[in-house]
Each structure stands twice: as C-alpha cells, then as structure tokens.
Amino acid sequence: MLAKFLNPKNDLAFKRIFGTEKNKDILIHFLNDIFGRSTNPIEEVSFLKGSQDPEIVAQRVSVVDLLCHDAEGNRFIIEMQVDSEPGFEKRAQYYAARTYIEQREKGIKFANLKSVTFLAITDFILFPNDKQRYLTHHITLDKETYEQNLKDFSFSFLELPKFKKTKEQLTTLTEKWAYFFKRAMNTTEEELPLIVGSDNIIKRAYDELNRFAWTDEELRAYESIDMKQAAEKAILEGAIEKEKFEIAKKLLILKLSLQDIATATGLSEAEIKKLEHIT
C-alpha cells in the first residue's frame, strides 16, 4: 500500500512546500519556529534569484535550495541536505559569504549590508561530538567577553538522526517540524491530528505532501529526483568504501594491528584479514 505522504526531503517536495509564493506563509511560520522568533517575528519574505524554480529542480545544480530575504533585507539560506558530504560546514560558510558579497553588486554600502542566516536540515549527523542537541545555532563571539560584536553571520543545523522523539512526545513547534522532516513518509491520516494538533500551517505542509494531490507528471519528476539521489548516494558510498580499503592496505604495510586498523577505517577485522593476502 502506497504511503499517503511523500518525502519532504525530496528536492521537489521541499521546494513545493517552502519555495513557492502560495506557500510563503508556511516558510515564514517554519523560520519563526526554528529560530524562536515569537517576539520580533519574520512577517514577510521575498525569494531571491538563488532559489530554483520547481520546474527545473529535477535538473539540480550546485546552488542553494532556497534563498530569500525578510522585509528588512536580511538574507536566509535554507538547505535540505540528504547525503553526508565532506566539508559541508565549509560549503555553508561559502554560501553565506557569497550571499553577503552579492549585496555589494547592487551598490549597497558596507554600512548597509544585511545579515545572512544559513539554515540546513541534514539527514546525517554533522557534529558527532554533540550527541544530544538536534538543533544548534552558531554565531560569532568575542573569545574573552563572549560579546557578539560581529552580528551579520549565523548558522543553524537541524540534524534529523539526532531527533528521537515519538509522535506522542511532541510538545513544541520545533519538535513537530523535526518530526515532519524525519517521519512524514511514515505518517498515516489517522496519526495526523495527534502530530499536528491545532497548528493549521503544519497541517498544510503535510497536505502539500499528499501524493493524491500531485499530478502524474509531478510524481514522475519527484521519482526521478529520488532515483538520481539514490544513484549519487550509491556512487558516494562506493567511493568511501574503496578509500577505506586503500587506507587499510597502507596500514597493514605499516604492521598495525587488525584491531587498530579496524578502529581507524571502520572495516571489520575479517575484511582486513582478507587484505593481508593481497598486500
């Protein structure tokens, strides 16, 4: 039996929910909830040229998923990142810096440059040392006084694997959004009232994932993205596995113990033993 709700981590579905004019209120609600903007909330957003149109999202290129600004001109970059990517935190900083610099192309004086906020929803653990917090916010502080004198850059990461709550345990809007991204595909119509509660905006986000509201053409585009992402993931995982074996071969030559090599590479001792005969 087909699940009623599609995957919000799919590029096309993500764009449909958060990146269209008709659903701008969903994006605004989401940003206010994630950033805790109950006071001084974002009330309006406008999409910028870095955002992709739904029609071309299937031919994904290396640009940000969503780029918008609020009524004051402050920029927001929103990224949905499914696959673990070495250096992703550096890419976040690069995109933020590029977005900041692009304001100067419009003749804006340095004193009038607006802030840039980068938000990523990741389907992998980015910060393994921080095992508890699934949502983290990063800013620039003075090392001694902890004052925030440099205020124009901030980075937030919603790491879905770290979110462990069940539908019965959801209490905050932030938790409901995290559950939405992680579990929407497994949610049934009967479970929705418990998950959504009285929040009509989150309910609308689920409605946008209702596969029976998508045309056949839209579903084909959705599925093509899923297949492309699966292929890219397989290629990446294959490359990583190959690299592990190459490292293990070099460590065997250096006469390290099987246990130490297993710890360093993540391979099993049995896999490493097989390499002993070919090194």
Protein backbone atom coordinates (compact mmCIF):
# COMPACT_ATOMS: atom_id res chain seq x y z
CA MET A 1 0.00 0.00 0.00
CA LEU A 2 1.38 3.38 -1.01
CA ALA A 3 2.12 5.85 1.76
CA LYS A 4 -0.15 8.87 1.57
CA PHE A 5 2.58 11.40 2.28
CA LEU A 6 5.66 11.87 0.13
CA ASN A 7 9.16 12.58 1.39
CA PRO A 8 9.75 16.25 2.34
CA LYS A 9 13.50 15.67 1.94
CA ASN A 10 12.99 15.18 -1.80
CA ASP A 11 14.15 18.37 -3.56
CA LEU A 12 10.92 18.87 -5.48
CA ALA A 13 8.70 18.26 -2.46
CA PHE A 14 10.86 20.55 -0.31
CA LYS A 15 10.60 23.29 -2.91
CA ARG A 16 6.85 22.81 -3.28
CA ILE A 17 6.29 23.28 0.45
CA PHE A 18 8.69 26.08 1.24
CA GLY A 19 9.73 27.69 -2.03
CA THR A 20 6.55 28.87 -3.74
CA GLU A 21 4.69 32.16 -3.48
CA LYS A 22 1.44 30.49 -2.47
CA ASN A 23 3.14 28.80 0.47
CA LYS A 24 5.24 31.71 1.71
CA ASP A 25 3.30 31.68 4.97
CA ILE A 26 4.48 28.10 5.58
CA LEU A 27 8.11 29.21 5.12
CA ILE A 28 7.60 32.21 7.42
CA HIS A 29 5.99 30.03 10.08
CA PHE A 30 8.82 27.49 9.79
CA LEU A 31 11.58 30.11 10.12
CA ASN A 32 9.93 31.76 13.12
CA ASP A 33 9.51 28.38 14.81
CA ILE A 34 13.09 27.21 14.16
CA PHE A 35 14.66 30.49 15.26
CA GLY A 36 12.31 31.06 18.20
CA ARG A 37 11.06 34.36 16.80
CA SER A 38 7.93 34.65 18.94
CA THR A 39 8.96 38.25 19.56
CA ASN A 40 10.06 40.32 16.55
CA PRO A 41 8.86 37.60 14.14
CA ILE A 42 9.58 37.48 10.42
CA GLU A 43 6.39 38.75 8.80
CA GLU A 44 7.27 38.73 5.10
CA VAL A 45 9.79 37.07 2.81
CA SER A 46 10.73 37.53 -0.83
CA PHE A 47 12.53 34.89 -2.88
CA LEU A 48 15.86 35.79 -4.46
CA LYS A 49 17.45 34.57 -7.70
CA GLY A 50 19.49 31.85 -5.95
CA SER A 51 16.32 29.82 -5.40
CA GLN A 52 15.35 27.28 -8.02
CA ASP A 53 12.00 27.10 -9.75
CA PRO A 54 10.07 23.85 -9.22
CA GLU A 55 10.15 23.17 -12.97
CA ILE A 56 13.96 22.88 -13.07
CA VAL A 57 14.60 21.34 -9.67
CA ALA A 58 14.84 17.86 -11.24
CA GLN A 59 17.97 19.08 -13.07
CA ARG A 60 19.53 20.12 -9.74
CA VAL A 61 22.71 22.17 -9.96
CA SER A 62 25.04 23.35 -7.25
CA VAL A 63 23.06 26.28 -5.93
CA VAL A 64 21.23 26.78 -2.66
CA ASP A 65 17.79 25.23 -2.25
CA LEU A 66 16.08 28.39 -1.03
CA LEU A 67 17.29 31.97 -0.80
CA CYS A 68 15.02 34.71 0.49
CA HIS A 69 15.06 37.93 2.44
CA ASP A 70 12.74 39.46 5.01
CA ALA A 71 11.17 42.91 4.94
CA GLU A 72 14.40 44.47 6.28
CA GLY A 73 16.52 42.77 3.61
CA ASN A 74 18.15 40.19 5.89
CA ARG A 75 19.05 37.08 3.88
CA PHE A 76 18.05 33.50 4.71
CA ILE A 77 19.58 30.45 3.03
CA ILE A 78 17.69 27.19 3.60
CA GLU A 79 19.33 23.92 2.54
CA MET A 80 17.95 20.38 2.60
CA GLN A 81 20.99 18.07 2.63
CA VAL A 82 20.26 14.34 2.38
CA ASP A 83 23.70 12.81 1.84
CA SER A 84 26.71 13.30 4.06
CA GLU A 85 29.21 15.48 2.25
CA PRO A 86 32.80 16.07 3.37
CA GLY A 87 33.27 19.75 4.07
CA PHE A 88 29.55 20.55 4.21
CA GLU A 89 30.13 23.03 7.04
CA LYS A 90 32.63 24.84 4.80
CA ARG A 91 30.10 24.94 1.97
CA ALA A 92 27.64 26.52 4.41
CA GLN A 93 30.14 29.27 5.16
CA TYR A 94 30.94 29.72 1.48
CA TYR A 95 27.29 30.16 0.54
CA ALA A 96 26.76 32.61 3.38
CA ALA A 97 29.83 34.64 2.38
CA ARG A 98 28.83 34.64 -1.28
CA THR A 99 25.31 35.80 -0.43
CA TYR A 100 26.76 38.60 1.73
CA ILE A 101 29.14 39.73 -1.00
CA GLU A 102 26.42 39.71 -3.67
CA GLN A 103 24.72 42.60 -1.89
CA ARG A 104 27.63 44.82 -2.93
CA GLU A 105 26.90 44.08 -6.59
CA LYS A 106 23.75 46.14 -6.17
CA GLY A 107 25.72 49.14 -4.96
CA ILE A 108 24.87 48.74 -1.28
CA LYS A 109 27.34 50.49 1.02
CA PHE A 110 29.27 48.40 3.53
CA ALA A 111 27.44 50.04 6.41
CA ASN A 112 24.10 48.93 4.95
CA LEU A 113 24.90 45.27 4.31
CA LYS A 114 22.24 42.97 5.78
CA SER A 115 22.75 39.82 7.81
CA VAL A 116 22.89 36.31 6.36
CA THR A 117 21.42 33.32 8.17
CA PHE A 118 22.22 29.82 6.91
CA LEU A 119 19.87 27.01 7.93
CA ALA A 120 20.49 23.38 6.96
CA ILE A 121 18.27 20.38 7.55
CA THR A 122 20.61 17.39 7.35
CA ASP A 123 19.69 13.72 7.10
CA PHE A 124 23.05 12.83 8.65
CA ILE A 125 24.97 13.72 11.78
CA LEU A 126 27.19 16.73 11.16
CA PHE A 127 28.55 17.25 14.68
CA PRO A 128 29.11 13.79 16.22
CA ASN A 129 30.63 15.14 19.44
CA ASP A 130 27.36 16.87 20.31
CA LYS A 131 25.20 13.77 20.73
CA GLN A 132 22.09 15.31 22.31
CA ARG A 133 21.16 18.56 20.57
CA TYR A 134 19.44 18.04 17.22
CA LEU A 135 19.13 21.79 16.56
CA THR A 136 22.14 24.05 17.06
CA HIS A 137 22.70 27.75 16.38
CA HIS A 138 26.19 29.17 15.74
CA ILE A 139 27.23 32.82 15.94
CA THR A 140 30.49 34.83 16.19
CA LEU A 141 31.52 35.84 19.71
CA ASP A 142 34.49 37.59 21.31
CA LYS A 143 36.73 34.83 22.73
CA GLU A 144 37.17 36.56 26.10
CA THR A 145 34.00 38.56 26.73
CA TYR A 146 31.56 36.46 24.64
CA GLU A 147 30.09 39.69 23.29
CA GLN A 148 28.58 39.49 19.83
CA ASN A 149 30.09 42.44 18.01
CA LEU A 150 30.07 40.71 14.60
CA LYS A 151 26.40 40.02 14.02
CA ASP A 152 25.94 39.51 10.30
CA PHE A 153 26.52 35.74 10.07
CA SER A 154 24.73 32.90 11.81
CA PHE A 155 24.46 29.20 11.03
CA SER A 156 21.82 26.75 12.22
CA PHE A 157 21.72 22.99 11.69
CA LEU A 158 18.77 20.66 12.21
CA GLU A 159 20.35 17.17 12.35
CA LEU A 160 17.47 14.73 11.84
CA PRO A 161 19.21 11.50 13.04
CA LYS A 162 19.61 13.08 16.48
CA PHE A 163 15.88 13.70 16.82
CA LYS A 164 14.46 10.73 18.73
CA LYS A 165 11.02 11.80 19.96
CA THR A 166 7.92 9.84 19.05
CA LYS A 167 4.66 11.43 17.89
CA GLU A 168 3.26 11.08 21.43
CA GLN A 169 6.16 13.12 22.85
CA LEU A 170 5.88 16.17 20.59
CA THR A 171 5.29 19.36 22.54
CA THR A 172 6.90 22.28 20.67
CA LEU A 173 6.54 23.52 17.11
CA THR A 174 10.25 22.93 16.53
CA GLU A 175 9.80 19.28 17.51
CA LYS A 176 6.83 18.99 15.15
CA TRP A 177 8.90 20.31 12.25
CA ALA A 178 11.76 17.92 13.04
CA TYR A 179 9.26 15.05 13.15
CA PHE A 180 7.74 16.27 9.88
CA PHE A 181 11.06 16.05 8.04
CA LYS A 182 12.04 12.73 9.62
CA ARG A 183 8.74 10.83 9.73
CA ALA A 184 6.25 12.35 7.29
CA MET A 185 6.55 9.42 4.87
CA ASN A 186 5.58 7.01 7.66
CA THR A 187 2.69 9.09 8.97
CA THR A 188 -0.88 7.94 8.43
CA GLU A 189 -4.01 10.03 8.10
CA GLU A 190 -5.19 8.73 11.48
CA GLU A 191 -2.00 9.89 13.23
CA LEU A 192 -2.09 13.41 11.81
CA PRO A 193 -4.36 15.07 14.42
CA LEU A 194 -2.06 13.91 17.23
CA ILE A 195 1.04 15.20 15.43
CA VAL A 196 -0.34 18.50 14.13
CA GLY A 197 -2.66 19.48 16.95
CA SER A 198 -4.24 22.86 16.27
CA ASP A 199 -1.45 24.13 14.01
CA ASN A 200 -3.05 24.64 10.60
CA ILE A 201 0.21 25.73 8.95
CA ILE A 202 1.98 22.45 9.71
CA LYS A 203 -1.18 20.66 8.58
CA ARG A 204 -0.87 22.48 5.23
CA ALA A 205 2.74 21.31 4.95
CA TYR A 206 1.50 17.73 5.24
CA ASP A 207 -1.26 18.47 2.71
CA GLU A 208 1.41 19.51 0.20
CA LEU A 209 2.93 16.03 0.58
CA ASN A 210 -0.34 14.25 -0.17
CA ARG A 211 0.59 12.17 -3.22
CA PHE A 212 -3.02 12.13 -4.38
CA ALA A 213 -2.86 15.91 -4.86
CA TRP A 214 0.09 15.58 -7.27
CA THR A 215 -0.34 15.10 -10.99
CA ASP A 216 1.20 12.11 -12.77
CA GLU A 217 3.80 14.42 -14.32
CA GLU A 218 4.72 15.87 -10.93
CA LEU A 219 5.04 12.40 -9.42
CA ARG A 220 7.34 11.32 -12.26
CA ALA A 221 9.56 14.35 -11.61
CA TYR A 222 9.53 13.55 -7.89
CA GLU A 223 10.51 9.92 -8.54
CA SER A 224 13.27 10.92 -10.97
CA ILE A 225 14.86 13.00 -8.22
CA ASP A 226 14.62 10.09 -5.80
CA MET A 227 16.33 7.80 -8.31
CA LYS A 228 19.04 10.35 -9.03
CA GLN A 229 19.72 10.86 -5.31
CA ALA A 230 19.85 7.09 -4.77
CA ALA A 231 22.35 6.71 -7.60
CA GLU A 232 24.52 9.55 -6.29
CA LYS A 233 24.44 8.03 -2.80
CA ALA A 234 25.49 4.62 -4.13
CA ILE A 235 28.40 6.18 -6.02
CA LEU A 236 29.49 8.16 -2.95
CA GLU A 237 29.25 5.15 -0.64
CA GLY A 238 31.21 3.04 -3.14
CA ALA A 239 33.96 5.66 -3.27
CA ILE A 240 34.11 5.83 0.52
CA GLU A 241 34.32 2.04 0.85
CA LYS A 242 37.12 1.91 -1.72
CA GLU A 243 39.03 4.57 0.17
CA LYS A 244 38.66 2.60 3.43
CA PHE A 245 40.20 -0.49 1.84
CA GLU A 246 43.07 1.53 0.38
CA ILE A 247 43.83 3.02 3.79
CA ALA A 248 43.64 -0.43 5.38
CA LYS A 249 46.20 -1.78 2.88
CA LYS A 250 48.62 1.01 3.75
CA LEU A 251 48.18 0.42 7.49
CA LEU A 252 48.82 -3.30 7.02
CA ILE A 253 52.12 -2.48 5.34
CA LEU A 254 52.97 -0.39 8.43
CA LYS A 255 52.32 -3.51 10.57
CA LEU A 256 49.48 -2.02 12.62
CA SER A 257 47.27 -4.49 14.46
CA LEU A 258 43.97 -5.63 12.96
CA GLN A 259 42.14 -4.01 15.85
CA ASP A 260 43.83 -0.63 15.29
CA ILE A 261 43.13 -0.76 11.55
CA ALA A 262 39.50 -1.68 12.18
CA THR A 263 39.18 1.29 14.53
CA ALA A 264 40.79 3.65 12.01
CA THR A 265 38.80 2.54 8.97
CA GLY A 266 35.50 1.18 10.26
CA LEU A 267 36.13 -2.14 8.48
CA SER A 268 35.73 -5.43 10.29
CA GLU A 269 38.79 -7.47 11.24
CA ALA A 270 37.54 -10.22 8.93
CA GLU A 271 37.52 -7.80 5.98
CA ILE A 272 41.02 -6.64 6.85
CA LYS A 273 42.32 -10.21 7.11
CA LYS A 274 41.31 -10.80 3.52
CA LEU A 275 43.52 -7.88 2.50
CA GLU A 276 46.58 -9.46 4.12
CA HIS A 277 46.85 -11.88 1.22
CA ILE A 278 46.95 -9.15 -1.43
CA THR A 279 49.24 -6.57 0.15
